Amino acid sequence: MRREDLIEATVAILTKAETTLSPWVMAMIKEAAEKESNPIARSQLEAILENVDIASSEGVPLCQDTGLPVFHLEIGRDIRVPPFLEEAMAEGVRRATKTIPLRPNAVDPLTRKNTSDNTGRGMPDLIIDLVPGDALRITAFPKGAGSENASFLSMLNPADDPLDYVAQEVAKRAGRACAPVFVGVGIGGTFDLAPRLAKRALFNMPGYSDLELDLLSRINEIGPGPMGLGGMATALAVKIETNLCHTASLPVAVNLQCWANRSATATVRDEGWNID
């Protein structure tokens, strides 16, 4: 696997993710706009759709907050992971920051000094799964601060209703997360596993189980609507991931994504790479 292939693939998927939305995301926003009875809410959704069209046609970012670079790596068990994987992807982020361009968002958490290129110690954020096969699939998932800041983790009492808790909390926070939002929920595991379940849930959207549809309905019944200005669509989709937990605990985490649910995927093999 060539270093330059990894760099080029990283730049390509960041470019696509930052300037376009996946068809299924666009379909959900369009459906919400068509169903919306509140004229203010409908105007917000229509403005979002116009914004996406302009960004796509002009090749510019969908939002001024181009996020922090997060990547989901699905690594085939039959490949040899190159020792330069993280370094090559970081170089891809640096190139993409200049060429797209991306807003330099990565700062030291204590000094607040900006690295100027969206990389630094521990960057980019890589979430790794081992899967069958002889390829590496890389999904770019830029994460903006508005939705990330509205995310949360709680250690509930096992007697609590986690769905009611999530619905109430999401409804309170969604307006400042640029609703309509996508809701990734992690229930169970441990203190540190629940948030990873929630982040993975965002990768695996949309969800259509009865439990997920029930939670989506609860959120929209009490929620503030698009941009917190009233209306029907506070959330567009919910995905729930669960794991076993201790009998005395109930970890619940929610990772929100704003309407700009940005992602793009490339497959990298020894012979080259392609956008999925």
C-alpha atoms as a PDB file:
ATOM      1  CA  MET A   1       0.000   0.000   0.000  1.00  0.00           C
ATOM      2  CA  ARG A   2       1.537   3.275  -1.156  1.00  0.00           C
ATOM      3  CA  ARG A   3       1.868   6.292   1.127  1.00  0.00           C
ATOM      4  CA  GLU A   4       0.807   8.650  -1.655  1.00  0.00           C
ATOM      5  CA  ASP A   5      -2.368   6.625  -2.253  1.00  0.00           C
ATOM      6  CA  LEU A   6      -3.352   7.063   1.388  1.00  0.00           C
ATOM      7  CA  ILE A   7      -2.665  10.786   1.201  1.00  0.00           C
ATOM      8  CA  GLU A   8      -4.636  11.259  -2.016  1.00  0.00           C
ATOM      9  CA  ALA A   9      -7.564   9.191  -0.757  1.00  0.00           C
ATOM     10  CA  THR A  10      -7.690  11.229   2.457  1.00  0.00           C
ATOM     11  CA  VAL A  11      -7.746  14.510   0.544  1.00  0.00           C
ATOM     12  CA  ALA A  12     -10.418  13.212  -1.835  1.00  0.00           C
ATOM     13  CA  ILE A  13     -12.850  12.023   0.814  1.00  0.00           C
ATOM     14  CA  LEU A  14     -12.419  15.151   2.907  1.00  0.00           C
ATOM     15  CA  THR A  15     -13.124  17.244  -0.186  1.00  0.00           C
ATOM     16  CA  LYS A  16     -16.254  15.268  -1.018  1.00  0.00           C
ATOM     17  CA  ALA A  17     -17.495  15.198   2.585  1.00  0.00           C
ATOM     18  CA  GLU A  18     -16.984  18.935   3.086  1.00  0.00           C
ATOM     19  CA  THR A  19     -18.710  20.024  -0.127  1.00  0.00           C
ATOM     20  CA  THR A  20     -21.577  17.551  -0.646  1.00  0.00           C
ATOM     21  CA  LEU A  21     -24.098  15.522   1.318  1.00  0.00           C
ATOM     22  CA  SER A  22     -24.924  11.858   0.785  1.00  0.00           C
ATOM     23  CA  PRO A  23     -28.146  11.206  -1.180  1.00  0.00           C
ATOM     24  CA  TRP A  24     -29.860   9.626   1.831  1.00  0.00           C
ATOM     25  CA  VAL A  25     -29.146  12.721   3.963  1.00  0.00           C
ATOM     26  CA  MET A  26     -30.488  15.016   1.242  1.00  0.00           C
ATOM     27  CA  ALA A  27     -33.594  12.848   0.901  1.00  0.00           C
ATOM     28  CA  MET A  28     -34.340  13.152   4.619  1.00  0.00           C
ATOM     29  CA  ILE A  29     -33.970  16.938   4.601  1.00  0.00           C
ATOM     30  CA  LYS A  30     -36.188  17.244   1.488  1.00  0.00           C
ATOM     31  CA  GLU A  31     -38.851  15.012   3.037  1.00  0.00           C
ATOM     32  CA  ALA A  32     -38.815  17.078   6.226  1.00  0.00           C
ATOM     33  CA  ALA A  33     -39.232  20.291   4.190  1.00  0.00           C
ATOM     34  CA  GLU A  34     -42.164  18.836   2.238  1.00  0.00           C
ATOM     35  CA  LYS A  35     -43.942  17.698   5.421  1.00  0.00           C
ATOM     36  CA  GLU A  36     -43.259  20.837   7.474  1.00  0.00           C
ATOM     37  CA  SER A  37     -46.364  22.889   8.277  1.00  0.00           C
ATOM     38  CA  ASN A  38     -44.566  25.673  10.171  1.00  0.00           C
ATOM     39  CA  PRO A  39     -43.572  28.338   7.581  1.00  0.00           C
ATOM     40  CA  ILE A  40     -40.516  29.498   9.554  1.00  0.00           C
ATOM     41  CA  ALA A  41     -39.279  25.942   9.965  1.00  0.00           C
ATOM     42  CA  ARG A  42     -39.929  25.190   6.295  1.00  0.00           C
ATOM     43  CA  SER A  43     -37.940  28.281   5.267  1.00  0.00           C
ATOM     44  CA  GLN A  44     -34.994  27.037   7.365  1.00  0.00           C
ATOM     45  CA  LEU A  45     -35.059  23.639   5.702  1.00  0.00           C
ATOM     46  CA  GLU A  46     -35.337  25.199   2.246  1.00  0.00           C
ATOM     47  CA  ALA A  47     -32.373  27.442   3.049  1.00  0.00           C
ATOM     48  CA  ILE A  48     -30.367  24.351   4.003  1.00  0.00           C
ATOM     49  CA  LEU A  49     -31.194  22.714   0.671  1.00  0.00           C
ATOM     50  CA  GLU A  50     -30.209  25.849  -1.233  1.00  0.00           C
ATOM     51  CA  ASN A  51     -26.975  26.036   0.752  1.00  0.00           C
ATOM     52  CA  VAL A  52     -26.117  22.434  -0.178  1.00  0.00           C
ATOM     53  CA  ASP A  53     -26.792  23.074  -3.866  1.00  0.00           C
ATOM     54  CA  ILE A  54     -24.501  26.129  -3.879  1.00  0.00           C
ATOM     55  CA  ALA A  55     -21.718  24.323  -2.011  1.00  0.00           C
ATOM     56  CA  SER A  56     -21.868  21.355  -4.372  1.00  0.00           C
ATOM     57  CA  SER A  57     -21.955  23.403  -7.575  1.00  0.00           C
ATOM     58  CA  GLU A  58     -19.162  25.755  -6.512  1.00  0.00           C
ATOM     59  CA  GLY A  59     -17.033  23.163  -4.713  1.00  0.00           C
ATOM     60  CA  VAL A  60     -16.935  25.048  -1.415  1.00  0.00           C
ATOM     61  CA  PRO A  61     -17.553  23.819   2.149  1.00  0.00           C
ATOM     62  CA  LEU A  62     -21.146  23.366   3.267  1.00  0.00           C
ATOM     63  CA  CYS A  63     -20.470  25.172   6.537  1.00  0.00           C
ATOM     64  CA  GLN A  64     -17.891  27.637   7.817  1.00  0.00           C
ATOM     65  CA  ASP A  65     -17.216  25.173  10.643  1.00  0.00           C
ATOM     66  CA  THR A  66     -15.418  22.519   8.624  1.00  0.00           C
ATOM     67  CA  GLY A  67     -14.992  20.497  11.822  1.00  0.00           C
ATOM     68  CA  LEU A  68     -12.261  18.342  13.231  1.00  0.00           C
ATOM     69  CA  PRO A  69     -11.133  15.452  11.013  1.00  0.00           C
ATOM     70  CA  VAL A  70     -12.535  12.138  12.243  1.00  0.00           C
ATOM     71  CA  PHE A  71     -12.018   8.937  10.256  1.00  0.00           C
ATOM     72  CA  HIS A  72     -13.567   5.489  10.473  1.00  0.00           C
ATOM     73  CA  LEU A  73     -11.101   2.834   9.308  1.00  0.00           C
ATOM     74  CA  GLU A  74     -12.341  -0.615   8.305  1.00  0.00           C
ATOM     75  CA  ILE A  75      -9.143  -2.631   7.999  1.00  0.00           C
ATOM     76  CA  GLY A  76      -9.254  -5.918   6.133  1.00  0.00           C
ATOM     77  CA  ARG A  77      -7.701  -8.736   8.129  1.00  0.00           C
ATOM     78  CA  ASP A  78      -5.786  -9.924   5.049  1.00  0.00           C
ATOM     79  CA  ILE A  79      -3.759  -6.746   4.565  1.00  0.00           C
ATOM     80  CA  ARG A  80      -0.548  -5.632   6.199  1.00  0.00           C
ATOM     81  CA  VAL A  81      -1.190  -2.276   7.832  1.00  0.00           C
ATOM     82  CA  PRO A  82       1.537   0.108   6.643  1.00  0.00           C
ATOM     83  CA  PRO A  83       3.615   1.694   9.421  1.00  0.00           C
ATOM     84  CA  PHE A  84       3.019   5.133   7.895  1.00  0.00           C
ATOM     85  CA  LEU A  85      -0.804   4.911   7.981  1.00  0.00           C
ATOM     86  CA  GLU A  86      -1.443   7.627  10.579  1.00  0.00           C
ATOM     87  CA  GLU A  87       1.317   9.885   9.278  1.00  0.00           C
ATOM     88  CA  ALA A  88       0.040   9.642   5.692  1.00  0.00           C
ATOM     89  CA  MET A  89      -3.507  10.453   6.739  1.00  0.00           C
ATOM     90  CA  ALA A  90      -2.266  13.426   8.765  1.00  0.00           C
ATOM     91  CA  GLU A  91      -0.456  14.660   5.666  1.00  0.00           C
ATOM     92  CA  GLY A  92      -3.715  14.255   3.753  1.00  0.00           C
ATOM     93  CA  VAL A  93      -5.450  16.445   6.334  1.00  0.00           C
ATOM     94  CA  ARG A  94      -2.731  19.085   6.007  1.00  0.00           C
ATOM     95  CA  ARG A  95      -3.070  19.132   2.211  1.00  0.00           C
ATOM     96  CA  ALA A  96      -6.865  19.224   2.384  1.00  0.00           C
ATOM     97  CA  THR A  97      -6.720  22.158   4.815  1.00  0.00           C
ATOM     98  CA  LYS A  98      -4.943  24.174   2.129  1.00  0.00           C
ATOM     99  CA  THR A  99      -6.727  22.978  -0.989  1.00  0.00           C
ATOM    100  CA  ILE A 100     -10.421  22.788  -0.014  1.00  0.00           C
ATOM    101  CA  PRO A 101      -9.766  24.964   2.088  1.00  0.00           C
ATOM    102  CA  LEU A 102     -10.626  23.953   5.651  1.00  0.00           C
ATOM    103  CA  ARG A 103     -10.853  26.310   8.600  1.00  0.00           C
ATOM    104  CA  PRO A 104      -7.944  25.570  10.982  1.00  0.00           C
ATOM    105  CA  ASN A 105      -9.874  24.296  13.997  1.00  0.00           C
ATOM    106  CA  ALA A 106      -7.328  22.201  15.932  1.00  0.00           C
ATOM    107  CA  VAL A 107      -6.027  23.911  19.058  1.00  0.00           C
ATOM    108  CA  ASP A 108      -4.153  22.856  22.195  1.00  0.00           C
ATOM    109  CA  PRO A 109      -6.835  22.305  24.864  1.00  0.00           C
ATOM    110  CA  LEU A 110      -4.926  24.288  27.513  1.00  0.00           C
ATOM    111  CA  THR A 111      -3.011  27.028  25.691  1.00  0.00           C
ATOM    112  CA  ARG A 112      -5.599  27.286  22.868  1.00  0.00           C
ATOM    113  CA  LYS A 113      -2.709  27.673  20.418  1.00  0.00           C
ATOM    114  CA  ASN A 114      -3.871  26.799  16.907  1.00  0.00           C
ATOM    115  CA  THR A 115      -1.810  24.232  14.975  1.00  0.00           C
ATOM    116  CA  SER A 116      -2.897  25.965  11.723  1.00  0.00           C
ATOM    117  CA  ASP A 117      -3.259  22.721   9.748  1.00  0.00           C
ATOM    118  CA  ASN A 118      -5.902  20.676  11.624  1.00  0.00           C
ATOM    119  CA  THR A 119      -3.293  18.158  12.807  1.00  0.00           C
ATOM    120  CA  GLY A 120      -1.164  17.808  15.903  1.00  0.00           C
ATOM    121  CA  ARG A 121      -0.547  15.389  18.734  1.00  0.00           C
ATOM    122  CA  GLY A 122      -3.146  12.633  18.570  1.00  0.00           C
ATOM    123  CA  MET A 123      -4.676  13.919  15.336  1.00  0.00           C
ATOM    124  CA  PRO A 124      -6.479  12.831  13.280  1.00  0.00           C
ATOM    125  CA  ASP A 125      -9.027  10.881  15.303  1.00  0.00           C
ATOM    126  CA  LEU A 126      -9.103   7.306  13.971  1.00  0.00           C
ATOM    127  CA  ILE A 127     -11.866   4.859  14.897  1.00  0.00           C
ATOM    128  CA  ILE A 128     -10.754   1.381  13.845  1.00  0.00           C
ATOM    129  CA  ASP A 129     -12.614  -1.838  13.043  1.00  0.00           C
ATOM    130  CA  LEU A 130     -11.110  -5.083  11.773  1.00  0.00           C
ATOM    131  CA  VAL A 131     -13.214  -6.613   8.989  1.00  0.00           C
ATOM    132  CA  PRO A 132     -12.878  -9.473   6.492  1.00  0.00           C
ATOM    133  CA  GLY A 133     -11.070  -8.738   3.236  1.00  0.00           C
ATOM    134  CA  ASP A 134      -7.920  -7.389   1.646  1.00  0.00           C
ATOM    135  CA  ALA A 135      -8.750  -3.673   1.516  1.00  0.00           C
ATOM    136  CA  LEU A 136      -8.782  -0.597   3.722  1.00  0.00           C
ATOM    137  CA  ARG A 137     -11.985   1.475   3.739  1.00  0.00           C
ATOM    138  CA  ILE A 138     -11.572   5.018   5.035  1.00  0.00           C
ATOM    139  CA  THR A 139     -14.598   7.150   5.855  1.00  0.00           C
ATOM    140  CA  ALA A 140     -14.110  10.853   6.530  1.00  0.00           C
ATOM    141  CA  PHE A 141     -16.541  12.188   9.096  1.00  0.00           C
ATOM    142  CA  PRO A 142     -15.794  15.873   9.835  1.00  0.00           C
ATOM    143  CA  LYS A 143     -17.252  16.827  13.216  1.00  0.00           C
ATOM    144  CA  GLY A 144     -18.233  20.420  13.946  1.00  0.00           C
ATOM    145  CA  ALA A 145     -18.242  21.971  17.406  1.00  0.00           C
ATOM    146  CA  GLY A 146     -21.922  22.890  17.545  1.00  0.00           C
ATOM    147  CA  SER A 147     -23.186  19.326  17.462  1.00  0.00           C
ATOM    148  CA  GLU A 148     -20.212  17.917  19.358  1.00  0.00           C
ATOM    149  CA  ASN A 149     -20.647  20.411  22.207  1.00  0.00           C
ATOM    150  CA  ALA A 150     -24.297  19.393  22.554  1.00  0.00           C
ATOM    151  CA  SER A 151     -23.398  15.704  22.926  1.00  0.00           C
ATOM    152  CA  PHE A 152     -23.400  14.107  26.365  1.00  0.00           C
ATOM    153  CA  LEU A 153     -22.634  11.102  28.574  1.00  0.00           C
ATOM    154  CA  SER A 154     -24.484  10.127  31.741  1.00  0.00           C
ATOM    155  CA  MET A 155     -24.242   7.245  34.184  1.00  0.00           C
ATOM    156  CA  LEU A 156     -27.907   6.546  34.864  1.00  0.00           C
ATOM    157  CA  ASN A 157     -29.511   4.471  37.558  1.00  0.00           C
ATOM    158  CA  PRO A 158     -30.506   1.047  36.152  1.00  0.00           C
ATOM    159  CA  ALA A 159     -34.090   1.830  37.112  1.00  0.00           C
ATOM    160  CA  ASP A 160     -34.160   4.906  34.835  1.00  0.00           C
ATOM    161  CA  ASP A 161     -35.769   4.933  31.397  1.00  0.00           C
ATOM    162  CA  PRO A 162     -32.858   5.646  29.027  1.00  0.00           C
ATOM    163  CA  LEU A 163     -35.092   6.512  26.062  1.00  0.00           C
ATOM    164  CA  ASP A 164     -37.059   9.110  28.004  1.00  0.00           C
ATOM    165  CA  TYR A 165     -33.819  10.611  29.302  1.00  0.00           C
ATOM    166  CA  VAL A 166     -32.306  10.788  25.810  1.00  0.00           C
ATOM    167  CA  ALA A 167     -35.462  12.330  24.312  1.00  0.00           C
ATOM    168  CA  GLN A 168     -35.624  15.055  26.958  1.00  0.00           C
ATOM    169  CA  GLU A 169     -31.913  15.891  26.734  1.00  0.00           C
ATOM    170  CA  VAL A 170     -31.753  15.915  22.940  1.00  0.00           C
ATOM    171  CA  ALA A 171     -34.802  18.166  22.779  1.00  0.00           C
ATOM    172  CA  LYS A 172     -33.108  20.617  25.148  1.00  0.00           C
ATOM    173  CA  ARG A 173     -29.825  20.658  23.225  1.00  0.00           C
ATOM    174  CA  ALA A 174     -30.808  20.273  19.572  1.00  0.00           C
ATOM    175  CA  GLY A 175     -31.452  23.956  18.893  1.00  0.00           C
ATOM    176  CA  ARG A 176     -27.833  24.897  19.560  1.00  0.00           C
ATOM    177  CA  ALA A 177     -26.630  21.894  17.554  1.00  0.00           C
ATOM    178  CA  CYS A 178     -28.120  23.336  14.312  1.00  0.00           C
ATOM    179  CA  ALA A 179     -31.203  21.123  14.194  1.00  0.00           C
ATOM    180  CA  PRO A 180     -32.510  19.097  12.514  1.00  0.00           C
ATOM    181  CA  VAL A 181     -30.003  16.687  13.995  1.00  0.00           C
ATOM    182  CA  PHE A 182     -28.963  13.081  13.556  1.00  0.00           C
ATOM    183  CA  VAL A 183     -28.815  11.241  16.888  1.00  0.00           C
ATOM    184  CA  GLY A 184     -26.295   8.526  17.661  1.00  0.00           C
ATOM    185  CA  VAL A 185     -27.072   6.735  20.944  1.00  0.00           C
ATOM    186  CA  GLY A 186     -24.810   4.384  22.889  1.00  0.00           C
ATOM    187  CA  ILE A 187     -26.389   2.438  25.743  1.00  0.00           C
ATOM    188  CA  GLY A 188     -24.401   0.106  27.973  1.00  0.00           C
ATOM    189  CA  GLY A 189     -20.764  -0.847  28.131  1.00  0.00           C
ATOM    190  CA  THR A 190     -18.579   1.248  30.417  1.00  0.00           C
ATOM    191  CA  PHE A 191     -17.890   4.932  30.983  1.00  0.00           C
ATOM    192  CA  ASP A 192     -15.600   5.134  27.955  1.00  0.00           C
ATOM    193  CA  LEU A 193     -17.335   2.587  25.698  1.00  0.00           C
ATOM    194  CA  ALA A 194     -20.780   4.247  25.647  1.00  0.00           C
ATOM    195  CA  PRO A 195     -19.561   7.382  23.786  1.00  0.00           C
ATOM    196  CA  ARG A 196     -17.776   5.215  21.215  1.00  0.00           C
ATOM    197  CA  LEU A 197     -21.012   3.299  20.691  1.00  0.00           C
ATOM    198  CA  ALA A 198     -22.769   6.620  20.125  1.00  0.00           C
ATOM    199  CA  LYS A 199     -20.157   7.759  17.583  1.00  0.00           C
ATOM    200  CA  ARG A 200     -20.328   4.413  15.776  1.00  0.00           C
ATOM    201  CA  ALA A 201     -24.106   4.751  15.683  1.00  0.00           C
ATOM    202  CA  LEU A 202     -23.672   7.884  13.568  1.00  0.00           C
ATOM    203  CA  PHE A 203     -21.555   5.867  11.124  1.00  0.00           C
ATOM    204  CA  ASN A 204     -24.308   3.246  10.804  1.00  0.00           C
ATOM    205  CA  MET A 205     -27.268   5.493  10.082  1.00  0.00           C
ATOM    206  CA  PRO A 206     -30.059   5.602   9.304  1.00  0.00           C
ATOM    207  CA  GLY A 207     -31.837   3.395  11.798  1.00  0.00           C
ATOM    208  CA  TYR A 208     -35.345   2.040  11.364  1.00  0.00           C
ATOM    209  CA  SER A 209     -35.971  -0.347  14.247  1.00  0.00           C
ATOM    210  CA  ASP A 210     -39.134   0.104  16.274  1.00  0.00           C
ATOM    211  CA  LEU A 211     -37.042   1.321  19.213  1.00  0.00           C
ATOM    212  CA  GLU A 212     -35.251   3.901  17.066  1.00  0.00           C
ATOM    213  CA  LEU A 213     -38.474   5.116  15.466  1.00  0.00           C
ATOM    214  CA  ASP A 214     -40.058   5.412  18.903  1.00  0.00           C
ATOM    215  CA  LEU A 215     -37.167   7.542  20.185  1.00  0.00           C
ATOM    216  CA  LEU A 216     -37.236   9.698  17.038  1.00  0.00           C
ATOM    217  CA  SER A 217     -40.953  10.314  17.567  1.00  0.00           C
ATOM    218  CA  ARG A 218     -40.426  11.232  21.234  1.00  0.00           C
ATOM    219  CA  ILE A 219     -37.702  13.748  20.343  1.00  0.00           C
ATOM    220  CA  ASN A 220     -39.782  15.409  17.643  1.00  0.00           C
ATOM    221  CA  GLU A 221     -42.868  15.610  19.844  1.00  0.00           C
ATOM    222  CA  ILE A 222     -41.074  17.724  22.461  1.00  0.00           C
ATOM    223  CA  GLY A 223     -38.234  19.238  20.424  1.00  0.00           C
ATOM    224  CA  PRO A 224     -37.635  22.832  19.307  1.00  0.00           C
ATOM    225  CA  GLY A 225     -37.701  22.156  15.548  1.00  0.00           C
ATOM    226  CA  PRO A 226     -35.249  23.287  12.861  1.00  0.00           C
ATOM    227  CA  MET A 227     -32.664  25.720  14.249  1.00  0.00           C
ATOM    228  CA  GLY A 228     -34.679  25.845  17.481  1.00  0.00           C
ATOM    229  CA  LEU A 229     -37.330  28.077  15.860  1.00  0.00           C
ATOM    230  CA  GLY A 230     -40.280  25.694  16.111  1.00  0.00           C
ATOM    231  CA  GLY A 231     -41.541  23.045  13.749  1.00  0.00           C
ATOM    232  CA  MET A 232     -41.811  19.304  13.317  1.00  0.00           C
ATOM    233  CA  ALA A 233     -38.262  18.141  12.523  1.00  0.00           C
ATOM    234  CA  THR A 234     -35.942  18.423  15.508  1.00  0.00           C
ATOM    235  CA  ALA A 235     -34.284  15.128  14.558  1.00  0.00           C
ATOM    236  CA  LEU A 236     -34.166  13.375  11.195  1.00  0.00           C
ATOM    237  CA  ALA A 237     -32.859   9.968  12.267  1.00  0.00           C
ATOM    238  CA  VAL A 238     -31.859   7.984  15.348  1.00  0.00           C
ATOM    239  CA  LYS A 239     -29.500   5.037  15.578  1.00  0.00           C
ATOM    240  CA  ILE A 240     -28.994   3.065  18.799  1.00  0.00           C
ATOM    241  CA  GLU A 241     -25.993   0.850  19.551  1.00  0.00           C
ATOM    242  CA  THR A 242     -25.925  -1.250  22.742  1.00  0.00           C
ATOM    243  CA  ASN A 243     -23.480  -3.350  24.715  1.00  0.00           C
ATOM    244  CA  LEU A 244     -23.616  -5.391  27.899  1.00  0.00           C
ATOM    245  CA  CYS A 245     -23.038  -3.396  31.071  1.00  0.00           C
ATOM    246  CA  HIS A 246     -22.571  -4.039  34.785  1.00  0.00           C
ATOM    247  CA  THR A 247     -25.704  -4.951  36.694  1.00  0.00           C
ATOM    248  CA  ALA A 248     -25.319  -1.821  38.838  1.00  0.00           C
ATOM    249  CA  SER A 249     -24.764   0.682  36.023  1.00  0.00           C
ATOM    250  CA  LEU A 250     -26.463   2.127  32.955  1.00  0.00           C
ATOM    251  CA  PRO A 251     -24.123   4.286  30.834  1.00  0.00           C
ATOM    252  CA  VAL A 252     -25.936   6.340  28.195  1.00  0.00           C
ATOM    253  CA  ALA A 253     -24.166   8.527  25.651  1.00  0.00           C
ATOM    254  CA  VAL A 254     -25.477  10.615  22.789  1.00  0.00           C
ATOM    255  CA  ASN A 255     -23.387  11.974  19.941  1.00  0.00           C
ATOM    256  CA  LEU A 256     -25.278  14.524  17.891  1.00  0.00           C
ATOM    257  CA  GLN A 257     -24.612  15.453  14.286  1.00  0.00           C
ATOM    258  CA  CYS A 258     -26.114  18.594  12.780  1.00  0.00           C
ATOM    259  CA  TRP A 259     -28.065  18.692   9.510  1.00  0.00           C
ATOM    260  CA  ALA A 260     -24.677  18.773   7.713  1.00  0.00           C
ATOM    261  CA  ASN A 261     -24.179  15.039   8.240  1.00  0.00           C
ATOM    262  CA  ARG A 262     -20.964  14.963   6.210  1.00  0.00           C
ATOM    263  CA  SER A 263     -19.179  11.776   5.196  1.00  0.00           C
ATOM    264  CA  ALA A 264     -17.394  10.184   2.258  1.00  0.00           C
ATOM    265  CA  THR A 265     -15.585   6.862   1.816  1.00  0.00           C
ATOM    266  CA  ALA A 266     -12.634   5.563  -0.201  1.00  0.00           C
ATOM    267  CA  THR A 267     -11.262   2.041  -0.576  1.00  0.00           C
ATOM    268  CA  VAL A 268      -7.478   1.647  -0.669  1.00  0.00           C
ATOM    269  CA  ARG A 269      -5.693  -1.471  -1.926  1.00  0.00           C
ATOM    270  CA  ASP A 270      -2.135  -2.311  -2.882  1.00  0.00           C
ATOM    271  CA  GLU A 271      -2.926  -1.477  -6.522  1.00  0.00           C
ATOM    272  CA  GLY A 272      -4.492   1.922  -5.792  1.00  0.00           C
ATOM    273  CA  TRP A 273      -7.619   3.619  -4.409  1.00  0.00           C
ATOM    274  CA  ASN A 274     -11.094   4.734  -5.437  1.00  0.00           C
ATOM    275  CA  ILE A 275     -13.980   6.729  -4.034  1.00  0.00           C
ATOM    276  CA  ASP A 276     -16.854   4.447  -3.013  1.00  0.00           C
END
